[in-house]
Amino acid sequence: MRSTYIAKEADLEKKWYVIDASGMTLGRMSAEIAKILRGKNKPQYAPNADMGDYVIVINAEKVAVTGKKLEQKVYQHHTGFVGGLKTVRLDKMLETKPEEVIKHAVKGMLPKNALGRKMFSKLHVYAGAEHPHAAQKPEVLELKF
């Protein structure tokens, strides 16, 4: 009797990828990043294991959005105090914390459990063109969409 091969996390070699976000559409880029973090681009994909690779996103401040999202898209969070609902528009968020825009988009596309939090920890986003991960020898990844 033959048994089905199930890949273990230890059997896989984790790669590092660099993605340049300048001029890319936020949603389409985030979907591809989430796919890489989950490991869905590999033939050994298993939904119950972290098979994904590490992703470094540079030039987060130059990400593009379509339509009127710059004026209409709103990020909300609550401080925990009475009347503590804080809202920030996308254009202000891109000026102050452009890394958080991409992190927020990708986090929403990952599973909402401990495995999703582990996958999300492999995402590194930087506003400028420099990153401190040269020792990992990341490959430049061109996204096509």
Protein backbone atom coordinates (compact mmCIF):
# COMPACT_ATOMS: atom_id res chain seq x y z
CA MET A 1 0.00 0.00 0.00
CA ARG A 2 1.32 3.43 -0.92
CA SER A 3 1.03 6.39 1.37
CA THR A 4 0.65 10.00 0.36
CA TYR A 5 3.76 12.12 0.68
CA ILE A 6 3.27 15.01 3.10
CA ALA A 7 6.05 17.56 3.19
CA LYS A 8 7.30 18.76 6.55
CA GLU A 9 8.33 22.34 7.24
CA ALA A 10 11.87 21.17 8.03
CA ASP A 11 12.19 19.49 4.62
CA LEU A 12 11.72 22.75 2.70
CA GLU A 13 14.30 25.36 1.91
CA LYS A 14 12.95 28.83 2.68
CA LYS A 15 13.91 31.49 0.14
CA TRP A 16 14.05 35.26 0.49
CA TYR A 17 12.45 37.48 -2.17
CA VAL A 18 12.66 41.24 -2.75
CA ILE A 19 9.68 42.99 -4.33
CA ASP A 20 9.85 46.60 -5.52
CA ALA A 21 6.43 48.16 -4.85
CA SER A 22 6.96 51.34 -6.84
CA GLY A 23 4.07 51.79 -9.28
CA MET A 24 2.36 48.50 -8.36
CA THR A 25 -1.31 48.32 -7.48
CA LEU A 26 -1.77 47.73 -3.75
CA GLY A 27 -4.37 44.96 -3.84
CA ARG A 28 -2.90 42.90 -6.66
CA MET A 29 0.58 43.09 -5.17
CA SER A 30 -0.71 42.16 -1.71
CA ALA A 31 -2.50 39.10 -3.09
CA GLU A 32 0.71 37.83 -4.68
CA ILE A 33 2.69 38.50 -1.50
CA ALA A 34 0.12 36.59 0.57
CA LYS A 35 0.36 33.68 -1.87
CA ILE A 36 4.15 33.54 -1.44
CA LEU A 37 3.92 33.83 2.37
CA ARG A 38 1.44 30.93 2.50
CA GLY A 39 3.51 28.79 0.12
CA LYS A 40 0.77 28.37 -2.47
CA ASN A 41 3.31 28.90 -5.23
CA LYS A 42 5.06 25.63 -4.32
CA PRO A 43 4.04 22.10 -5.32
CA GLN A 44 4.47 20.91 -1.71
CA TYR A 45 1.77 23.28 -0.40
CA ALA A 46 -0.13 22.06 2.63
CA PRO A 47 -2.79 24.22 4.31
CA ASN A 48 -1.83 23.04 7.80
CA ALA A 49 1.88 23.95 7.62
CA ASP A 50 3.91 27.08 7.04
CA MET A 51 5.45 26.34 3.64
CA GLY A 52 5.96 29.95 2.57
CA ASP A 53 9.03 32.02 1.88
CA TYR A 54 10.27 35.32 3.27
CA VAL A 55 9.27 38.51 1.45
CA ILE A 56 10.96 41.92 1.59
CA VAL A 57 8.99 44.82 0.11
CA ILE A 58 10.88 48.01 -0.71
CA ASN A 59 9.62 51.43 -1.89
CA ALA A 60 6.33 51.06 -0.02
CA GLU A 61 5.79 54.82 -0.25
CA LYS A 62 5.47 54.57 -4.06
CA VAL A 63 2.61 52.03 -4.12
CA ALA A 64 -0.31 52.91 -6.40
CA VAL A 65 -4.06 52.65 -5.85
CA THR A 66 -6.88 52.95 -8.37
CA GLY A 67 -10.01 55.05 -8.33
CA LYS A 68 -10.73 57.46 -5.48
CA LYS A 69 -9.20 55.26 -2.78
CA LEU A 70 -6.70 57.92 -1.71
CA GLU A 71 -9.56 60.13 -0.49
CA GLN A 72 -12.19 57.49 0.37
CA LYS A 73 -10.35 54.53 1.92
CA VAL A 74 -10.24 54.85 5.70
CA TYR A 75 -8.27 52.86 8.29
CA GLN A 76 -9.93 52.65 11.71
CA HIS A 77 -8.73 51.43 15.10
CA HIS A 78 -10.00 51.84 18.64
CA THR A 79 -7.81 52.93 21.52
CA GLY A 80 -9.90 51.07 24.11
CA PHE A 81 -11.09 54.23 25.81
CA VAL A 82 -14.57 55.70 25.57
CA GLY A 83 -14.93 57.57 22.29
CA GLY A 84 -11.53 56.34 21.17
CA LEU A 85 -12.29 55.45 17.55
CA LYS A 86 -9.45 56.81 15.40
CA THR A 87 -9.73 57.11 11.62
CA VAL A 88 -6.97 57.87 9.11
CA ARG A 89 -7.39 58.26 5.36
CA LEU A 90 -5.15 56.35 2.95
CA ASP A 91 -3.37 59.45 1.65
CA LYS A 92 -2.36 60.51 5.19
CA MET A 93 -1.30 56.96 6.03
CA LEU A 94 0.94 56.83 2.93
CA GLU A 95 2.62 60.06 4.06
CA THR A 96 3.21 59.01 7.67
CA LYS A 97 3.45 55.19 7.75
CA PRO A 98 3.56 53.70 4.21
CA GLU A 99 4.77 50.33 5.53
CA GLU A 100 1.54 49.85 7.49
CA VAL A 101 -0.59 50.17 4.34
CA ILE A 102 1.00 47.11 2.74
CA LYS A 103 1.15 45.19 6.03
CA HIS A 104 -2.55 45.81 6.64
CA ALA A 105 -3.50 44.66 3.14
CA VAL A 106 -1.42 41.47 3.31
CA LYS A 107 -2.50 40.59 6.85
CA GLY A 108 -6.14 40.64 5.77
CA MET A 109 -5.38 38.00 3.12
CA LEU A 110 -3.71 35.52 5.49
CA PRO A 111 -5.46 33.01 7.79
CA LYS A 112 -6.79 34.39 11.07
CA ASN A 113 -5.06 31.97 13.42
CA ALA A 114 -1.64 31.18 14.91
CA LEU A 115 -0.38 29.86 11.58
CA GLY A 116 -1.37 33.12 9.86
CA ARG A 117 0.48 35.14 12.48
CA LYS A 118 3.57 33.00 11.90
CA MET A 119 3.32 33.57 8.15
CA PHE A 120 2.87 37.31 8.65
CA SER A 121 6.09 37.50 10.66
CA LYS A 122 8.02 36.61 7.48
CA LEU A 123 6.97 39.86 5.80
CA HIS A 124 9.38 42.81 5.98
CA VAL A 125 8.25 46.14 4.52
CA TYR A 126 10.41 49.24 4.07
CA ALA A 127 9.40 52.70 2.86
CA GLY A 128 12.65 53.37 0.98
CA ALA A 129 14.84 51.39 -1.39
CA GLU A 130 17.25 50.12 1.29
CA HIS A 131 16.80 47.03 3.45
CA PRO A 132 19.06 45.35 6.04
CA HIS A 133 18.63 41.78 4.72
CA ALA A 134 21.55 41.58 2.28
CA ALA A 135 23.09 38.71 4.28
CA GLN A 136 20.14 36.46 3.35
CA LYS A 137 20.93 36.91 -0.38
CA PRO A 138 17.35 37.67 -1.46
CA GLU A 139 16.25 37.13 -5.06
CA VAL A 140 14.53 39.96 -6.93
CA LEU A 141 11.00 38.86 -7.80
CA GLU A 142 9.11 40.47 -10.68
CA LEU A 143 5.36 40.20 -10.18
CA LYS A 144 3.24 39.87 -13.32
CA PHE A 145 -0.39 40.88 -13.19
